[in-house]
Amino acid sequence: MIQASAPGKLFIAGEYAVVTPAHPAILVAVNQFITVTLEEAIDSGSIHSSLNQGLPIPWTRLDGSLYIDQRENTFIYITEAIKITEDYIQEQGISLRFFHLSVESELDNAKGKKYGLGSSGAVTVATVKALLQFYGLTISPELVYKLSSLAHLVVKSNGSFGDIAASAYTGWIAYASFDRDWVIEKQASLSITELVALNWPGLMVHRLTVPKEIQLLIGWTASPASTTHLVDKVNQQRVDMAEFFPQFLQKSKQIVTDLISAFDNKNISEIKDNIRKNRFILKELAAKAGVPIETTLLEQLIKIASSYDAASKTSGAGGGDCGIALLNDKAAAHLLLQEWEKARIQPLPLEVYQEDCEGEK
């Protein structure tokens, strides 16, 4: 039996701009996981997931490839991850086998509500890692990231793939997405093995060292949001924001670049200042695009955090899910969390999760 886990993630800065290649963001992996288990099978396999109340999805092979009746497929990220990874495995000269795959998720609460910790990215990364392990191949963060991203390209994800980067590399990372048009063009003429061996234009992953005095607090509003729909709404408004949006991208790039330097220089004041600047330009974007990035409860979360001198903002696309606060005062952190609870904001007792690995790009 093979098991592989991948952590959830939170965005710290650079949201929306990071969807554009070479525009950086900062993310962090957290210690809540999706775990994929593989057990060898004979003649046919199955997929079970707590994301679907444990109901199995039957699958078989058609012309040598995994085949699922799409009417039964609610797990397209898992199945596309299997297809891409098995294509890569076959290119290594390895014969495919059958297996039973099951998924356990800690990225939602007891009632099945998602925390907004990037479950689609984490389940893809965990599936790719489990398969590479099942077939005895070497696992590297870069290989797992690229195979997982290829799976998400098939699904036509409109995101930045930052959730995949956070789950694959773990810890605090600075990240910029790759040029997806270049990858799609190369995919038409190259094998997967050849494609993942190339440097992908625009892709940047840089591990950050966070000052030990910095404490990251996470508050959950219990209101799930759809990143896909919010990014779609902003993209639909880009024509009407022809003058504003390039300025937003430029400002975001400068702020996140300054934030990366502040982390590298362990300058806590600059870190907090740039988090606040990032919140300000996201509010400008929300007003221009008519997208509710800060809900009433997220505004309250930020207001409370700010009263304790924390740098606070939404995390990810906003519209619900989580907000974050960074501060360097343990006594104030305790009081802040109490205030959040009084305002019906649930503090999530998460910690940063980091694996020992190499592979910065």
Protein backbone atom coordinates (compact mmCIF):
# COMPACT_ATOMS: atom_id res chain seq x y z
CA MET A 1 0.00 0.00 0.00
CA ILE A 2 1.29 3.45 -0.95
CA GLN A 3 0.30 6.70 0.79
CA ALA A 4 1.16 10.29 -0.22
CA SER A 5 -0.03 13.53 1.33
CA ALA A 6 -0.09 17.14 0.14
CA PRO A 7 -0.80 20.18 2.31
CA GLY A 8 -3.35 22.94 1.82
CA LYS A 9 -2.25 26.51 1.11
CA LEU A 10 -2.99 30.13 1.82
CA PHE A 11 -2.19 33.16 -0.29
CA ILE A 12 -0.28 35.87 1.57
CA ALA A 13 0.01 38.46 -1.24
CA GLY A 14 -0.18 38.95 -5.01
CA GLU A 15 -3.68 37.61 -5.68
CA TYR A 16 -5.28 38.12 -9.13
CA ALA A 17 -2.05 39.57 -10.59
CA VAL A 18 -0.39 36.14 -10.21
CA VAL A 19 -2.70 34.72 -12.87
CA THR A 20 -0.61 36.75 -15.35
CA PRO A 21 2.74 35.01 -16.07
CA ALA A 22 5.84 36.42 -14.32
CA HIS A 23 3.77 38.41 -11.77
CA PRO A 24 4.79 37.12 -8.34
CA ALA A 25 2.77 36.10 -5.31
CA ILE A 26 3.59 34.78 -1.87
CA LEU A 27 1.96 31.62 -0.54
CA VAL A 28 2.33 29.34 2.44
CA ALA A 29 1.61 25.63 2.89
CA VAL A 30 -0.34 24.72 6.04
CA ASN A 31 -0.47 21.55 8.14
CA GLN A 32 -3.85 20.31 6.90
CA PHE A 33 -3.56 17.61 4.28
CA ILE A 34 -5.16 15.57 1.57
CA THR A 35 -3.90 11.99 1.66
CA VAL A 36 -4.08 9.61 -1.29
CA THR A 37 -3.74 5.86 -0.76
CA LEU A 38 -2.99 3.39 -3.55
CA GLU A 39 -3.44 -0.37 -3.28
CA GLU A 40 -2.60 -2.72 -6.14
CA ALA A 41 -5.64 -4.25 -7.87
CA ILE A 42 -6.31 -6.91 -10.51
CA ASP A 43 -8.21 -6.32 -13.80
CA SER A 44 -9.98 -3.13 -12.62
CA GLY A 45 -9.54 -0.35 -10.08
CA SER A 46 -11.66 2.14 -8.16
CA ILE A 47 -11.51 5.64 -6.69
CA HIS A 48 -12.94 6.44 -3.25
CA SER A 49 -12.93 9.92 -1.71
CA SER A 50 -14.22 11.55 1.42
CA LEU A 51 -14.87 14.53 -0.93
CA ASN A 52 -17.77 12.42 -2.29
CA GLN A 53 -19.04 10.84 0.92
CA GLY A 54 -16.80 7.85 0.20
CA LEU A 55 -18.72 6.72 -2.89
CA PRO A 56 -16.51 4.76 -5.32
CA ILE A 57 -16.07 5.69 -8.97
CA PRO A 58 -15.39 2.62 -11.15
CA TRP A 59 -12.78 2.88 -13.89
CA THR A 60 -11.11 0.60 -16.39
CA ARG A 61 -8.73 0.96 -19.33
CA LEU A 62 -9.69 1.72 -22.93
CA ASP A 63 -6.94 1.33 -25.54
CA GLY A 64 -4.39 1.25 -22.74
CA SER A 65 -5.51 4.47 -21.00
CA LEU A 66 -7.57 5.09 -17.90
CA TYR A 67 -11.26 5.42 -18.81
CA ILE A 68 -14.12 6.72 -16.69
CA ASP A 69 -17.65 7.27 -17.81
CA GLN A 70 -17.82 11.10 -17.51
CA ARG A 71 -21.37 10.89 -16.20
CA GLU A 72 -19.88 9.34 -13.07
CA ASN A 73 -16.79 11.56 -12.89
CA THR A 74 -16.88 14.19 -10.15
CA PHE A 75 -13.15 13.96 -9.60
CA ILE A 76 -11.69 15.34 -12.78
CA TYR A 77 -8.59 16.69 -11.05
CA ILE A 78 -7.77 13.21 -9.75
CA THR A 79 -8.44 11.47 -13.05
CA GLU A 80 -6.49 13.97 -15.15
CA ALA A 81 -3.61 13.72 -12.67
CA ILE A 82 -3.66 9.93 -13.16
CA LYS A 83 -3.75 10.24 -16.95
CA ILE A 84 -0.86 12.72 -17.17
CA THR A 85 1.27 10.87 -14.63
CA GLU A 86 0.64 7.47 -16.23
CA ASP A 87 1.61 8.89 -19.65
CA TYR A 88 4.86 10.09 -18.05
CA ILE A 89 5.36 6.69 -16.35
CA GLN A 90 4.85 4.82 -19.64
CA GLU A 91 7.45 7.08 -21.27
CA GLN A 92 9.93 5.75 -18.68
CA GLY A 93 9.34 2.24 -20.07
CA ILE A 94 7.30 1.08 -17.07
CA SER A 95 4.24 -1.16 -17.53
CA LEU A 96 1.00 0.16 -15.98
CA ARG A 97 -0.81 -1.69 -13.20
CA PHE A 98 -4.28 -1.53 -11.66
CA PHE A 99 -4.88 0.02 -8.26
CA HIS A 100 -7.55 1.14 -5.83
CA LEU A 101 -7.16 4.85 -4.98
CA SER A 102 -8.73 6.48 -1.95
CA VAL A 103 -8.64 10.11 -0.76
CA GLU A 104 -8.98 11.50 2.77
CA SER A 105 -9.28 15.28 3.14
CA GLU A 106 -8.58 17.52 6.15
CA LEU A 107 -9.24 20.65 4.06
CA ASP A 108 -12.88 20.94 5.09
CA ASN A 109 -14.74 20.91 8.40
CA ALA A 110 -16.83 18.14 9.97
CA LYS A 111 -19.89 19.26 7.97
CA GLY A 112 -18.02 19.14 4.66
CA LYS A 113 -17.59 22.92 4.26
CA LYS A 114 -14.30 23.82 2.59
CA TYR A 115 -11.90 26.16 4.36
CA GLY A 116 -10.60 27.51 1.04
CA LEU A 117 -7.18 25.88 1.44
CA GLY A 118 -6.77 24.77 -2.16
CA SER A 119 -8.23 21.25 -2.17
CA SER A 120 -8.10 20.82 -5.98
CA GLY A 121 -4.39 21.64 -6.04
CA ALA A 122 -3.62 19.47 -3.01
CA VAL A 123 -5.54 16.43 -4.28
CA THR A 124 -3.75 16.70 -7.62
CA VAL A 125 -0.31 16.94 -5.99
CA ALA A 126 -1.05 14.04 -3.60
CA THR A 127 -2.28 11.87 -6.49
CA VAL A 128 0.81 12.57 -8.61
CA LYS A 129 3.12 11.88 -5.64
CA ALA A 130 1.31 8.62 -4.80
CA LEU A 131 1.56 7.37 -8.38
CA LEU A 132 5.25 8.25 -8.73
CA GLN A 133 5.85 6.42 -5.45
CA PHE A 134 3.68 3.45 -6.53
CA TYR A 135 5.79 2.97 -9.64
CA GLY A 136 9.08 3.48 -7.79
CA LEU A 137 10.08 6.77 -9.43
CA THR A 138 12.02 9.59 -7.81
CA ILE A 139 9.83 12.43 -6.52
CA SER A 140 10.95 16.05 -6.77
CA PRO A 141 8.85 19.17 -6.09
CA GLU A 142 9.55 20.44 -9.61
CA LEU A 143 8.38 17.21 -11.29
CA VAL A 144 5.28 17.00 -9.10
CA TYR A 145 4.47 20.68 -9.77
CA LYS A 146 4.84 20.35 -13.56
CA LEU A 147 2.84 17.09 -13.86
CA SER A 148 0.09 18.55 -11.64
CA SER A 149 0.02 21.77 -13.68
CA LEU A 150 -0.32 19.79 -16.93
CA ALA A 151 -3.32 18.01 -15.39
CA HIS A 152 -4.91 21.36 -14.48
CA LEU A 153 -4.28 22.70 -18.00
CA VAL A 154 -6.38 19.81 -19.33
CA VAL A 155 -9.18 20.87 -16.97
CA LYS A 156 -8.75 24.43 -18.36
CA SER A 157 -8.20 25.89 -14.91
CA ASN A 158 -8.20 29.70 -14.94
CA GLY A 159 -6.09 29.93 -11.78
CA SER A 160 -2.42 30.69 -11.20
CA PHE A 161 -1.46 27.11 -10.15
CA GLY A 162 -0.09 28.74 -6.98
CA ASP A 163 -2.01 26.18 -4.92
CA ILE A 164 -0.10 23.43 -6.72
CA ALA A 165 3.23 25.20 -6.07
CA ALA A 166 2.49 25.59 -2.36
CA SER A 167 1.48 21.92 -2.01
CA ALA A 168 4.45 20.65 -4.01
CA TYR A 169 7.21 22.84 -2.55
CA THR A 170 5.65 23.49 0.94
CA GLY A 171 6.68 26.15 3.47
CA TRP A 172 6.64 29.87 2.60
CA ILE A 173 7.30 30.46 -1.10
CA ALA A 174 7.43 33.35 -3.55
CA TYR A 175 5.89 32.17 -6.79
CA ALA A 176 5.20 33.38 -10.33
CA SER A 177 3.25 31.29 -12.82
CA PHE A 178 4.56 30.07 -16.16
CA ASP A 179 3.56 31.13 -19.67
CA ARG A 180 0.74 28.67 -20.25
CA ASP A 181 0.53 29.40 -24.02
CA TRP A 182 4.19 28.37 -24.38
CA VAL A 183 3.61 25.15 -22.42
CA ILE A 184 0.50 24.24 -24.42
CA GLU A 185 2.34 24.89 -27.70
CA LYS A 186 5.33 22.75 -26.64
CA GLN A 187 3.01 19.99 -25.38
CA ALA A 188 1.80 19.45 -28.95
CA SER A 189 5.25 18.41 -30.18
CA LEU A 190 7.13 17.12 -27.11
CA SER A 191 6.75 14.10 -24.88
CA ILE A 192 5.84 14.81 -21.26
CA THR A 193 9.32 13.71 -20.23
CA GLU A 194 10.86 16.26 -22.63
CA LEU A 195 8.43 18.99 -21.55
CA VAL A 196 8.97 18.67 -17.79
CA ALA A 197 12.76 18.70 -18.34
CA LEU A 198 12.63 22.19 -19.91
CA ASN A 199 12.71 25.51 -18.08
CA TRP A 200 9.21 26.95 -18.30
CA PRO A 201 9.23 30.69 -19.14
CA GLY A 202 7.99 32.88 -16.32
CA LEU A 203 7.98 30.12 -13.69
CA MET A 204 9.61 31.20 -10.43
CA VAL A 205 9.56 29.40 -7.06
CA HIS A 206 11.69 30.87 -4.29
CA ARG A 207 11.71 29.59 -0.70
CA LEU A 208 11.29 32.40 1.85
CA THR A 209 12.78 32.56 5.32
CA VAL A 210 10.31 34.20 7.65
CA PRO A 211 11.51 36.15 10.73
CA LYS A 212 10.87 34.00 13.81
CA GLU A 213 9.05 36.90 15.48
CA ILE A 214 6.34 36.89 12.79
CA GLN A 215 3.13 35.06 13.69
CA LEU A 216 0.59 34.14 11.01
CA LEU A 217 -3.03 34.07 12.19
CA ILE A 218 -5.84 32.68 10.03
CA GLY A 219 -9.53 33.46 10.43
CA TRP A 220 -12.29 31.55 8.62
CA THR A 221 -15.58 33.26 7.81
CA ALA A 222 -17.49 29.98 7.22
CA SER A 223 -18.62 31.36 3.88
CA PRO A 224 -17.18 29.27 1.01
CA ALA A 225 -16.10 31.19 -2.11
CA SER A 226 -15.39 30.08 -5.68
CA THR A 227 -11.99 31.26 -6.89
CA THR A 228 -12.87 30.12 -10.42
CA HIS A 229 -15.97 32.30 -10.60
CA LEU A 230 -14.29 35.36 -9.02
CA VAL A 231 -11.31 35.16 -11.41
CA ASP A 232 -13.76 34.74 -14.31
CA LYS A 233 -15.59 37.92 -13.23
CA VAL A 234 -12.36 39.93 -13.09
CA ASN A 235 -11.25 38.57 -16.48
CA GLN A 236 -14.60 39.52 -18.00
CA GLN A 237 -14.06 43.12 -16.81
CA ARG A 238 -10.49 43.45 -18.15
CA VAL A 239 -11.61 45.05 -21.43
CA ASP A 240 -13.49 47.73 -19.47
CA MET A 241 -10.41 48.16 -17.23
CA ALA A 242 -7.97 48.64 -20.14
CA GLU A 243 -6.27 51.58 -18.43
CA PHE A 244 -6.59 50.41 -14.83
CA PHE A 245 -5.59 46.73 -15.05
CA PRO A 246 -2.02 47.18 -16.38
CA GLN A 247 -1.46 49.69 -13.56
CA PHE A 248 -2.81 47.14 -11.06
CA LEU A 249 -0.44 44.48 -12.41
CA GLN A 250 2.54 46.85 -12.20
CA LYS A 251 1.69 47.91 -8.64
CA SER A 252 1.17 44.30 -7.51
CA LYS A 253 4.49 43.21 -9.04
CA GLN A 254 6.35 46.04 -7.28
CA ILE A 255 4.65 45.42 -3.93
CA VAL A 256 5.28 41.66 -3.95
CA THR A 257 8.89 42.16 -5.12
CA ASP A 258 9.41 44.58 -2.22
CA LEU A 259 7.72 42.07 0.10
CA ILE A 260 10.08 39.29 -1.01
CA SER A 261 13.06 41.60 -0.29
CA ALA A 262 11.58 42.44 3.11
CA PHE A 263 11.34 38.71 3.97
CA ASP A 264 14.89 38.10 2.73
CA ASN A 265 16.13 41.06 4.83
CA LYS A 266 13.95 40.06 7.83
CA ASN A 267 12.51 43.59 7.90
CA ILE A 268 9.25 43.12 9.83
CA SER A 269 8.11 46.72 9.39
CA GLU A 270 8.48 46.49 5.60
CA ILE A 271 6.73 43.11 5.54
CA LYS A 272 3.68 44.51 7.32
CA ASP A 273 3.72 47.70 5.24
CA ASN A 274 3.66 45.79 1.94
CA ILE A 275 0.88 43.46 3.13
CA ARG A 276 -1.22 46.58 3.81
CA LYS A 277 -0.32 48.05 0.40
CA ASN A 278 -1.41 44.80 -1.27
CA ARG A 279 -4.75 44.96 0.51
CA PHE A 280 -5.23 48.53 -0.70
CA ILE A 281 -4.73 47.71 -4.40
CA LEU A 282 -7.02 44.65 -4.10
CA LYS A 283 -9.73 46.97 -2.75
CA GLU A 284 -9.16 49.21 -5.79
CA LEU A 285 -9.51 46.17 -8.08
CA ALA A 286 -12.70 45.09 -6.32
CA ALA A 287 -14.23 48.53 -6.78
CA LYS A 288 -13.27 48.71 -10.48
CA ALA A 289 -14.35 45.15 -11.33
CA GLY A 290 -17.43 45.06 -9.10
CA VAL A 291 -16.15 41.90 -7.40
CA PRO A 292 -16.79 41.47 -3.64
CA ILE A 293 -13.25 40.56 -2.57
CA GLU A 294 -13.82 41.79 1.01
CA THR A 295 -17.13 40.58 2.41
CA THR A 296 -18.59 42.31 5.47
CA LEU A 297 -17.12 39.64 7.76
CA LEU A 298 -13.70 39.81 6.08
CA GLU A 299 -13.74 43.59 6.55
CA GLN A 300 -14.51 43.02 10.23
CA LEU A 301 -11.67 40.47 10.45
CA ILE A 302 -9.21 43.02 9.03
CA LYS A 303 -10.53 45.86 11.19
CA ILE A 304 -10.06 43.83 14.38
CA ALA A 305 -6.59 42.68 13.35
CA SER A 306 -5.53 46.21 12.44
CA SER A 307 -6.54 47.44 15.89
CA TYR A 308 -3.77 45.17 17.27
CA ASP A 309 -1.18 46.54 14.78
CA ALA A 310 -1.39 43.41 12.64
CA ALA A 311 -1.04 43.59 8.86
CA SER A 312 -4.21 41.95 7.64
CA LYS A 313 -5.96 41.18 4.35
CA THR A 314 -8.03 38.62 2.52
CA SER A 315 -6.29 35.42 1.42
CA GLY A 316 -6.81 34.19 -2.13
CA ALA A 317 -9.62 35.45 -4.31
CA GLY A 318 -11.66 36.65 -1.33
CA GLY A 319 -15.45 36.69 -1.43
CA GLY A 320 -15.47 34.53 1.74
CA ASP A 321 -13.18 31.76 3.01
CA CYS A 322 -10.19 33.04 5.02
CA GLY A 323 -8.43 36.23 6.02
CA ILE A 324 -4.92 36.47 7.43
CA ALA A 325 -3.10 38.63 9.94
CA LEU A 326 0.67 38.95 10.44
CA LEU A 327 1.94 40.38 13.70
CA ASN A 328 4.93 40.21 16.02
CA ASP A 329 3.28 40.52 19.44
CA LYS A 330 2.25 37.22 21.11
CA ALA A 331 0.15 38.87 23.80
CA ALA A 332 -1.75 40.90 21.19
CA ALA A 333 -2.28 37.75 19.11
CA HIS A 334 -4.13 36.06 21.97
CA LEU A 335 -6.48 39.04 22.38
CA LEU A 336 -6.96 39.35 18.63
CA LEU A 337 -8.12 35.75 18.34
CA GLN A 338 -10.61 36.29 21.17
CA GLU A 339 -12.02 39.34 19.32
CA TRP A 340 -12.35 37.32 16.11
CA GLU A 341 -14.35 34.65 17.93
CA LYS A 342 -16.69 37.27 19.40
CA ALA A 343 -17.31 38.48 15.82
CA ARG A 344 -18.16 34.89 14.70
CA ILE A 345 -14.86 34.51 12.87
CA GLN A 346 -13.35 31.08 13.52
CA PRO A 347 -9.60 31.11 14.15
CA LEU A 348 -8.00 28.15 12.36
CA PRO A 349 -5.19 26.68 14.48
CA LEU A 350 -3.00 25.95 11.47
CA GLU A 351 0.77 25.99 11.29
CA VAL A 352 3.11 26.37 8.36
CA TYR A 353 4.11 22.99 6.93
CA GLN A 354 7.50 22.58 5.27
CA GLU A 355 9.20 19.50 3.86
CA ASP A 356 12.95 19.26 3.44
CA CYS A 357 13.38 19.45 -0.29
CA GLU A 358 15.32 21.13 -3.04
CA GLY A 359 14.17 22.45 -6.35
CA GLU A 360 13.78 26.20 -6.53
CA LYS A 361 13.18 27.50 -10.03
